[in-house]
Structures are given as structure tokens and as C-alpha cells.
N, C-alpha and C. Protein backbone atom coordinates (compact mmCIF):
# COMPACT_ATOMS: atom_id res chain seq x y z
N UNK A 1 -8.19 11.62 37.53
CA UNK A 1 -7.97 12.59 36.47
C UNK A 1 -8.45 12.04 35.13
N UNK A 2 -8.16 10.75 34.85
CA UNK A 2 -8.57 10.19 33.57
C UNK A 2 -10.09 10.14 33.44
N UNK A 3 -10.79 9.94 34.57
CA UNK A 3 -12.25 9.95 34.53
C UNK A 3 -12.77 11.30 34.03
N UNK A 4 -12.21 12.38 34.56
CA UNK A 4 -12.66 13.71 34.16
C UNK A 4 -12.31 14.01 32.71
N UNK A 5 -11.14 13.56 32.27
CA UNK A 5 -10.77 13.76 30.86
C UNK A 5 -11.73 13.01 29.94
N UNK A 6 -12.06 11.77 30.31
CA UNK A 6 -13.02 10.99 29.52
C UNK A 6 -14.38 11.65 29.54
N UNK A 7 -14.82 12.10 30.71
CA UNK A 7 -16.12 12.76 30.84
C UNK A 7 -16.20 14.00 29.96
N UNK A 8 -15.17 14.85 30.01
CA UNK A 8 -15.20 16.07 29.21
C UNK A 8 -15.07 15.78 27.72
N UNK A 9 -14.34 14.72 27.37
CA UNK A 9 -14.26 14.33 25.96
C UNK A 9 -15.62 13.88 25.45
N UNK A 10 -16.34 13.08 26.25
CA UNK A 10 -17.68 12.65 25.86
C UNK A 10 -18.65 13.82 25.80
N UNK A 11 -18.52 14.72 26.75
CA UNK A 11 -19.37 15.91 26.75
C UNK A 11 -19.14 16.73 25.49
N UNK A 12 -17.90 16.89 25.11
CA UNK A 12 -17.56 17.65 23.90
C UNK A 12 -18.10 16.95 22.65
N UNK A 13 -17.96 15.62 22.58
CA UNK A 13 -18.49 14.87 21.44
C UNK A 13 -20.00 15.02 21.35
N UNK A 14 -20.69 14.94 22.49
CA UNK A 14 -22.14 15.07 22.45
C UNK A 14 -22.55 16.47 22.02
N UNK A 15 -21.79 17.49 22.39
CA UNK A 15 -22.14 18.84 21.97
C UNK A 15 -21.89 19.02 20.48
N UNK A 16 -20.90 18.32 19.93
CA UNK A 16 -20.68 18.38 18.49
C UNK A 16 -21.81 17.71 17.74
N UNK A 17 -22.31 16.59 18.29
CA UNK A 17 -23.39 15.85 17.64
C UNK A 17 -24.71 16.59 17.74
N UNK A 18 -25.02 17.10 18.92
CA UNK A 18 -26.31 17.74 19.13
C UNK A 18 -26.29 19.25 18.95
N UNK A 19 -25.12 19.85 18.87
CA UNK A 19 -25.03 21.30 18.80
C UNK A 19 -24.85 21.85 20.21
N UNK A 20 -24.26 23.00 20.32
CA UNK A 20 -23.98 23.61 21.62
C UNK A 20 -25.27 24.08 22.28
N UNK A 21 -25.99 23.18 22.90
CA UNK A 21 -27.21 23.54 23.61
C UNK A 21 -28.36 23.91 22.70
N UNK A 22 -28.17 23.81 21.38
CA UNK A 22 -29.21 24.21 20.45
C UNK A 22 -30.42 23.30 20.51
N UNK A 23 -30.19 22.00 20.61
CA UNK A 23 -31.28 21.04 20.55
C UNK A 23 -32.31 21.31 21.63
N UNK A 24 -31.86 21.54 22.86
CA UNK A 24 -32.78 21.73 23.96
C UNK A 24 -33.66 22.95 23.76
N UNK A 25 -33.17 23.95 23.07
CA UNK A 25 -33.97 25.15 22.89
C UNK A 25 -34.95 25.02 21.72
N UNK A 26 -34.87 23.94 20.97
CA UNK A 26 -35.75 23.76 19.82
C UNK A 26 -37.06 23.11 20.25
N UNK A 27 -38.16 23.71 19.84
CA UNK A 27 -39.48 23.22 20.20
C UNK A 27 -40.13 22.58 18.98
N UNK A 28 -40.60 21.35 19.17
CA UNK A 28 -41.26 20.61 18.10
C UNK A 28 -42.70 20.34 18.51
N UNK A 29 -43.62 20.64 17.61
CA UNK A 29 -45.04 20.35 17.82
C UNK A 29 -45.39 19.08 17.06
N UNK A 30 -45.97 18.10 17.76
CA UNK A 30 -46.43 16.86 17.13
C UNK A 30 -47.95 16.88 17.12
N UNK A 31 -48.53 16.64 15.93
CA UNK A 31 -49.99 16.64 15.78
C UNK A 31 -50.41 15.25 15.31
N UNK A 32 -51.14 14.53 16.15
CA UNK A 32 -51.57 13.18 15.81
C UNK A 32 -52.79 12.84 16.66
N UNK A 33 -53.81 12.26 16.04
CA UNK A 33 -55.01 11.91 16.79
C UNK A 33 -54.89 10.56 17.49
N UNK A 34 -53.81 9.84 17.26
CA UNK A 34 -53.59 8.54 17.89
C UNK A 34 -52.66 8.69 19.10
N UNK A 35 -53.18 8.51 20.31
CA UNK A 35 -52.37 8.71 21.52
C UNK A 35 -51.09 7.87 21.56
N UNK A 36 -51.12 6.64 21.07
CA UNK A 36 -49.93 5.78 21.11
C UNK A 36 -48.82 6.33 20.22
N UNK A 37 -49.16 6.76 19.02
CA UNK A 37 -48.16 7.33 18.11
C UNK A 37 -47.59 8.62 18.69
N UNK A 38 -48.48 9.43 19.23
CA UNK A 38 -48.07 10.70 19.84
C UNK A 38 -47.08 10.46 20.98
N UNK A 39 -47.40 9.50 21.84
CA UNK A 39 -46.54 9.19 22.99
C UNK A 39 -45.17 8.67 22.54
N UNK A 40 -45.14 7.80 21.54
CA UNK A 40 -43.88 7.24 21.07
C UNK A 40 -42.97 8.32 20.49
N UNK A 41 -43.54 9.18 19.66
CA UNK A 41 -42.74 10.26 19.07
C UNK A 41 -42.27 11.24 20.15
N UNK A 42 -43.14 11.53 21.10
CA UNK A 42 -42.77 12.45 22.17
C UNK A 42 -41.59 11.91 22.99
N UNK A 43 -41.66 10.64 23.34
CA UNK A 43 -40.57 10.01 24.11
C UNK A 43 -39.27 10.06 23.32
N UNK A 44 -39.35 9.72 22.04
CA UNK A 44 -38.16 9.72 21.18
C UNK A 44 -37.52 11.10 21.12
N UNK A 45 -38.33 12.12 20.89
CA UNK A 45 -37.78 13.47 20.75
C UNK A 45 -37.26 14.01 22.08
N UNK A 46 -37.96 13.74 23.17
CA UNK A 46 -37.48 14.19 24.48
C UNK A 46 -36.16 13.52 24.83
N UNK A 47 -36.03 12.26 24.47
CA UNK A 47 -34.78 11.54 24.72
C UNK A 47 -33.61 12.20 23.99
N UNK A 48 -33.91 12.88 22.90
CA UNK A 48 -32.88 13.58 22.13
C UNK A 48 -32.87 15.08 22.44
N UNK A 49 -33.43 15.42 23.60
CA UNK A 49 -33.33 16.76 24.18
C UNK A 49 -34.11 17.86 23.46
N UNK A 50 -35.15 17.48 22.72
CA UNK A 50 -36.02 18.50 22.14
C UNK A 50 -37.13 18.83 23.13
N UNK A 51 -37.60 20.06 23.10
CA UNK A 51 -38.80 20.43 23.84
C UNK A 51 -39.97 20.03 22.95
N UNK A 52 -40.95 19.33 23.51
CA UNK A 52 -42.03 18.77 22.70
C UNK A 52 -43.39 19.27 23.17
N UNK A 53 -44.18 19.75 22.22
CA UNK A 53 -45.58 20.09 22.45
C UNK A 53 -46.41 19.09 21.65
N UNK A 54 -47.56 18.70 22.18
CA UNK A 54 -48.40 17.74 21.46
C UNK A 54 -49.84 18.21 21.42
N UNK A 55 -50.55 17.76 20.40
CA UNK A 55 -51.99 18.00 20.32
C UNK A 55 -52.61 16.95 19.41
N UNK A 56 -53.95 16.90 19.42
CA UNK A 56 -54.68 15.84 18.73
C UNK A 56 -55.44 16.29 17.50
N UNK A 57 -55.41 17.58 17.17
CA UNK A 57 -56.19 18.05 16.01
C UNK A 57 -55.52 19.24 15.35
N UNK A 58 -55.95 19.50 14.12
CA UNK A 58 -55.44 20.64 13.38
C UNK A 58 -55.78 21.97 14.04
N UNK A 59 -56.99 22.08 14.55
CA UNK A 59 -57.39 23.33 15.21
C UNK A 59 -56.54 23.61 16.45
N UNK A 60 -56.28 22.56 17.24
CA UNK A 60 -55.40 22.71 18.40
C UNK A 60 -54.00 23.13 17.96
N UNK A 61 -53.52 22.52 16.89
CA UNK A 61 -52.18 22.84 16.39
C UNK A 61 -52.07 24.30 16.00
N UNK A 62 -53.06 24.80 15.28
CA UNK A 62 -53.03 26.21 14.86
C UNK A 62 -53.04 27.13 16.07
N UNK A 63 -53.82 26.78 17.09
CA UNK A 63 -53.86 27.60 18.31
C UNK A 63 -52.50 27.59 19.01
N UNK A 64 -51.86 26.43 19.10
CA UNK A 64 -50.55 26.34 19.75
C UNK A 64 -49.52 27.14 18.97
N UNK A 65 -49.53 27.00 17.66
CA UNK A 65 -48.56 27.74 16.83
C UNK A 65 -48.75 29.24 17.02
N UNK A 66 -49.99 29.69 17.02
CA UNK A 66 -50.26 31.13 17.18
C UNK A 66 -49.92 31.64 18.58
N UNK A 67 -50.15 30.83 19.61
CA UNK A 67 -49.91 31.28 20.98
C UNK A 67 -48.48 31.07 21.45
N UNK A 68 -47.90 29.91 21.14
CA UNK A 68 -46.59 29.56 21.69
C UNK A 68 -45.48 29.53 20.65
N UNK A 69 -45.84 29.31 19.40
CA UNK A 69 -44.83 29.15 18.36
C UNK A 69 -44.12 27.82 18.48
N UNK A 70 -43.34 27.48 17.49
CA UNK A 70 -42.53 26.27 17.51
C UNK A 70 -41.50 26.36 16.40
N UNK A 71 -40.52 25.48 16.45
CA UNK A 71 -39.45 25.49 15.46
C UNK A 71 -39.68 24.50 14.33
N UNK A 72 -40.55 23.51 14.55
CA UNK A 72 -40.83 22.49 13.55
C UNK A 72 -42.14 21.82 13.92
N UNK A 73 -42.89 21.38 12.90
CA UNK A 73 -44.17 20.70 13.13
C UNK A 73 -44.12 19.32 12.47
N UNK A 74 -44.54 18.31 13.22
CA UNK A 74 -44.67 16.94 12.70
C UNK A 74 -46.16 16.63 12.69
N UNK A 75 -46.70 16.28 11.52
CA UNK A 75 -48.15 16.12 11.37
C UNK A 75 -48.48 14.73 10.83
N UNK A 76 -49.43 14.07 11.47
CA UNK A 76 -49.98 12.82 10.93
C UNK A 76 -50.89 13.19 9.76
N UNK A 77 -50.78 12.46 8.67
CA UNK A 77 -51.59 12.76 7.49
C UNK A 77 -53.07 12.51 7.74
N UNK A 78 -53.38 11.38 8.36
CA UNK A 78 -54.77 10.97 8.52
C UNK A 78 -55.32 11.36 9.88
N UNK A 79 -56.07 12.45 9.91
CA UNK A 79 -56.75 12.87 11.13
C UNK A 79 -58.19 13.17 10.77
N UNK A 80 -59.13 13.01 11.69
CA UNK A 80 -60.55 13.09 11.35
C UNK A 80 -61.08 14.45 10.89
N UNK A 81 -60.82 15.51 11.61
CA UNK A 81 -61.46 16.79 11.28
C UNK A 81 -60.69 17.59 10.23
N UNK A 82 -59.41 17.68 10.39
CA UNK A 82 -58.56 18.41 9.45
C UNK A 82 -57.35 17.51 9.19
N UNK A 83 -57.21 17.04 7.95
CA UNK A 83 -56.09 16.14 7.69
C UNK A 83 -54.76 16.90 7.64
N UNK A 84 -53.67 16.17 7.57
CA UNK A 84 -52.35 16.76 7.61
C UNK A 84 -52.07 17.72 6.47
N UNK A 85 -52.61 17.43 5.30
CA UNK A 85 -52.41 18.30 4.14
C UNK A 85 -53.11 19.64 4.35
N UNK A 86 -54.35 19.59 4.83
CA UNK A 86 -55.08 20.83 5.12
C UNK A 86 -54.35 21.67 6.17
N UNK A 87 -53.89 21.00 7.23
CA UNK A 87 -53.18 21.72 8.29
C UNK A 87 -51.90 22.36 7.74
N UNK A 88 -51.17 21.62 6.94
CA UNK A 88 -49.95 22.16 6.33
C UNK A 88 -50.27 23.40 5.50
N UNK A 89 -51.32 23.32 4.68
CA UNK A 89 -51.71 24.47 3.85
C UNK A 89 -52.09 25.67 4.70
N UNK A 90 -52.79 25.42 5.80
CA UNK A 90 -53.20 26.53 6.67
C UNK A 90 -52.01 27.17 7.38
N UNK A 91 -51.03 26.36 7.76
CA UNK A 91 -49.82 26.93 8.36
C UNK A 91 -49.08 27.76 7.33
N UNK A 92 -48.93 27.23 6.13
CA UNK A 92 -48.21 27.94 5.06
C UNK A 92 -48.93 29.23 4.65
N UNK A 93 -50.24 29.29 4.84
CA UNK A 93 -51.01 30.48 4.47
C UNK A 93 -50.79 31.65 5.43
N UNK A 94 -50.28 31.37 6.62
CA UNK A 94 -50.01 32.42 7.60
C UNK A 94 -48.58 32.90 7.40
N UNK A 95 -48.42 34.10 6.91
CA UNK A 95 -47.09 34.58 6.53
C UNK A 95 -46.06 34.50 7.65
N UNK A 96 -46.47 34.76 8.89
CA UNK A 96 -45.50 34.75 9.99
C UNK A 96 -45.04 33.33 10.35
N UNK A 97 -45.75 32.31 9.89
CA UNK A 97 -45.38 30.92 10.19
C UNK A 97 -45.07 30.12 8.93
N UNK A 98 -45.05 30.76 7.80
CA UNK A 98 -44.90 30.06 6.52
C UNK A 98 -43.56 29.34 6.39
N UNK A 99 -42.56 29.76 7.14
CA UNK A 99 -41.22 29.15 7.01
C UNK A 99 -40.95 28.04 8.02
N UNK A 100 -41.90 27.74 8.89
CA UNK A 100 -41.70 26.65 9.86
C UNK A 100 -41.56 25.34 9.09
N UNK A 101 -40.50 24.58 9.35
CA UNK A 101 -40.37 23.28 8.70
C UNK A 101 -41.51 22.34 9.11
N UNK A 102 -42.04 21.61 8.14
CA UNK A 102 -43.15 20.70 8.38
C UNK A 102 -42.80 19.32 7.85
N UNK A 103 -43.00 18.31 8.70
CA UNK A 103 -42.85 16.91 8.29
C UNK A 103 -44.23 16.27 8.42
N UNK A 104 -44.70 15.66 7.34
CA UNK A 104 -45.95 14.91 7.37
C UNK A 104 -45.60 13.43 7.30
N UNK A 105 -46.30 12.63 8.11
CA UNK A 105 -46.07 11.18 8.05
C UNK A 105 -47.40 10.44 8.02
N UNK A 106 -47.35 9.21 7.49
CA UNK A 106 -48.56 8.40 7.38
C UNK A 106 -48.20 6.93 7.39
N UNK A 107 -49.10 6.10 7.91
CA UNK A 107 -48.91 4.66 7.85
C UNK A 107 -49.23 4.14 6.45
N UNK A 108 -50.03 4.88 5.70
CA UNK A 108 -50.40 4.47 4.34
C UNK A 108 -49.24 4.72 3.39
N UNK A 109 -48.83 3.69 2.68
CA UNK A 109 -47.65 3.78 1.81
C UNK A 109 -48.04 4.06 0.36
N UNK A 110 -48.73 5.15 0.11
CA UNK A 110 -49.11 5.52 -1.25
C UNK A 110 -48.21 6.66 -1.72
N UNK A 111 -47.69 6.54 -2.94
CA UNK A 111 -46.85 7.61 -3.50
C UNK A 111 -47.63 8.91 -3.60
N UNK A 112 -48.93 8.80 -3.81
CA UNK A 112 -49.76 10.00 -3.92
C UNK A 112 -49.75 10.82 -2.63
N UNK A 113 -49.66 10.14 -1.48
CA UNK A 113 -49.61 10.85 -0.20
C UNK A 113 -48.37 11.73 -0.12
N UNK A 114 -47.24 11.20 -0.55
CA UNK A 114 -46.00 11.97 -0.53
C UNK A 114 -46.11 13.16 -1.48
N UNK A 115 -46.58 12.93 -2.68
CA UNK A 115 -46.71 14.01 -3.67
C UNK A 115 -47.63 15.11 -3.16
N UNK A 116 -48.80 14.72 -2.65
CA UNK A 116 -49.77 15.71 -2.16
C UNK A 116 -49.23 16.49 -0.97
N UNK A 117 -48.50 15.81 -0.09
CA UNK A 117 -47.92 16.48 1.09
C UNK A 117 -46.89 17.51 0.67
N UNK A 118 -46.02 17.14 -0.25
CA UNK A 118 -44.99 18.07 -0.71
C UNK A 118 -45.60 19.23 -1.48
N UNK A 119 -46.63 18.97 -2.28
CA UNK A 119 -47.32 20.05 -3.01
C UNK A 119 -48.01 21.01 -2.05
N UNK A 120 -48.45 20.51 -0.90
CA UNK A 120 -49.12 21.36 0.10
C UNK A 120 -48.13 22.23 0.86
N UNK A 121 -46.83 21.94 0.71
CA UNK A 121 -45.83 22.77 1.37
C UNK A 121 -45.01 22.07 2.43
N UNK A 122 -45.23 20.77 2.63
CA UNK A 122 -44.41 20.04 3.60
C UNK A 122 -42.97 19.98 3.10
N UNK A 123 -42.05 20.03 4.03
CA UNK A 123 -40.63 19.90 3.68
C UNK A 123 -40.24 18.46 3.45
N UNK A 124 -41.03 17.55 4.04
CA UNK A 124 -40.66 16.15 4.00
C UNK A 124 -41.90 15.29 4.25
N UNK A 125 -41.93 14.11 3.64
CA UNK A 125 -42.97 13.12 3.91
C UNK A 125 -42.29 11.82 4.29
N UNK A 126 -42.74 11.21 5.38
CA UNK A 126 -42.21 9.92 5.83
C UNK A 126 -43.33 8.92 5.98
N UNK A 127 -43.03 7.66 5.66
CA UNK A 127 -43.98 6.58 5.89
C UNK A 127 -43.73 6.04 7.29
N UNK A 128 -44.80 5.94 8.07
CA UNK A 128 -44.69 5.48 9.46
C UNK A 128 -44.48 3.97 9.48
N UNK A 129 -43.23 3.58 9.47
CA UNK A 129 -42.85 2.17 9.50
C UNK A 129 -41.93 1.95 10.69
N UNK A 130 -41.65 0.68 11.02
CA UNK A 130 -40.67 0.45 12.09
C UNK A 130 -39.36 1.14 11.73
N UNK A 131 -38.80 1.83 12.69
CA UNK A 131 -37.56 2.56 12.44
C UNK A 131 -37.77 4.00 12.01
N UNK A 132 -39.01 4.47 12.00
CA UNK A 132 -39.27 5.86 11.59
C UNK A 132 -38.54 6.84 12.51
N UNK A 133 -38.32 6.45 13.76
CA UNK A 133 -37.69 7.38 14.69
C UNK A 133 -36.32 7.84 14.19
N UNK A 134 -35.52 6.91 13.67
CA UNK A 134 -34.20 7.29 13.17
C UNK A 134 -34.29 8.19 11.95
N UNK A 135 -35.20 7.86 11.03
CA UNK A 135 -35.40 8.71 9.85
C UNK A 135 -35.86 10.09 10.27
N UNK A 136 -36.78 10.11 11.22
CA UNK A 136 -37.34 11.37 11.69
C UNK A 136 -36.27 12.25 12.33
N UNK A 137 -35.44 11.68 13.17
CA UNK A 137 -34.37 12.45 13.81
C UNK A 137 -33.40 13.01 12.78
N UNK A 138 -33.08 12.23 11.77
CA UNK A 138 -32.18 12.69 10.71
C UNK A 138 -32.81 13.87 9.97
N UNK A 139 -34.08 13.76 9.61
CA UNK A 139 -34.77 14.85 8.90
C UNK A 139 -34.90 16.09 9.77
N UNK A 140 -35.22 15.90 11.04
CA UNK A 140 -35.37 17.04 11.96
C UNK A 140 -34.06 17.81 12.05
N UNK A 141 -32.97 17.10 12.27
CA UNK A 141 -31.67 17.77 12.39
C UNK A 141 -31.32 18.51 11.10
N UNK A 142 -31.60 17.90 9.95
CA UNK A 142 -31.31 18.55 8.67
C UNK A 142 -32.15 19.81 8.50
N UNK A 143 -33.42 19.76 8.88
CA UNK A 143 -34.30 20.91 8.71
C UNK A 143 -34.01 22.04 9.70
N UNK A 144 -33.50 21.70 10.87
CA UNK A 144 -33.24 22.72 11.89
C UNK A 144 -31.84 23.30 11.82
N UNK A 145 -30.97 22.71 11.03
CA UNK A 145 -29.60 23.24 10.91
C UNK A 145 -29.54 24.42 9.97
């Protein structure tokens, strides 16, 4: 009996932390041209019960958003064909997707990157440093609540 009480108490605590099944229904699109970064973020988000879509370019991202939709977009700032700022501006220019929360991140630690990202319409800018996963999860939960 005590096992079941403990199990249900833990289940209840996890639902308070993650929301009543809300997290699993949330879809996050990650856009990054670096396969290793993409894989690490995907694993982190899946471990926290998010549905994850990935792509390697801005054009792919726009196609996914238009065809499948998503609840939040995470964009690498530095990509070859269309950088994160351009992609953010193009998402914001589409009225039906203008309210999707956008997080831009970069390994480059320049204050100008943060300013330009926020001016382009990003909700948040993060520097890709060790421990970004925890910062990212905190920002995602805040933006999706």
C-alpha cells in the first residue's frame, strides 16, 4: 500500500511541475545547422516530454511552421543561408504565426547579438554555454505558460 501511495504522490508532484499533460502536447521546433547542437537540444527537450521537430535551415523551418505548426521555435543565430534574425523576422511577418514564442541562441557572446535578436522579435536570447539546457527549459516553461 505504501508503494502505491508514494507512487501516486510522485505522479502528482510531477504533474504539478510539468503541468497536467500539457508538456507532452507542446511542440517545439529547433532550427540549427550543426547536427551535434541539434541532437543535444532534441534529447534534452524529449527527456522533458516535449514533442520535438528539427531542421537545418530557415527555409525548412518556414515550411514546417506552415505545414505542421508548433508552439515554440528555438533558432541558432549563425546559420549559412538565412541567419536566426532573418528567420525570426520572417516568422513575425506572417500574421498567423506572429505570436509563436521564439528563442534565439548563439555561441558568440556579443551584446549586439542579444539586442539585434530582441529587436527582430525574439522573446529571448541565450548564449550557448555549458548549462544552457537548464536556462532553456526555464525560458521555455515561462513562455509556454
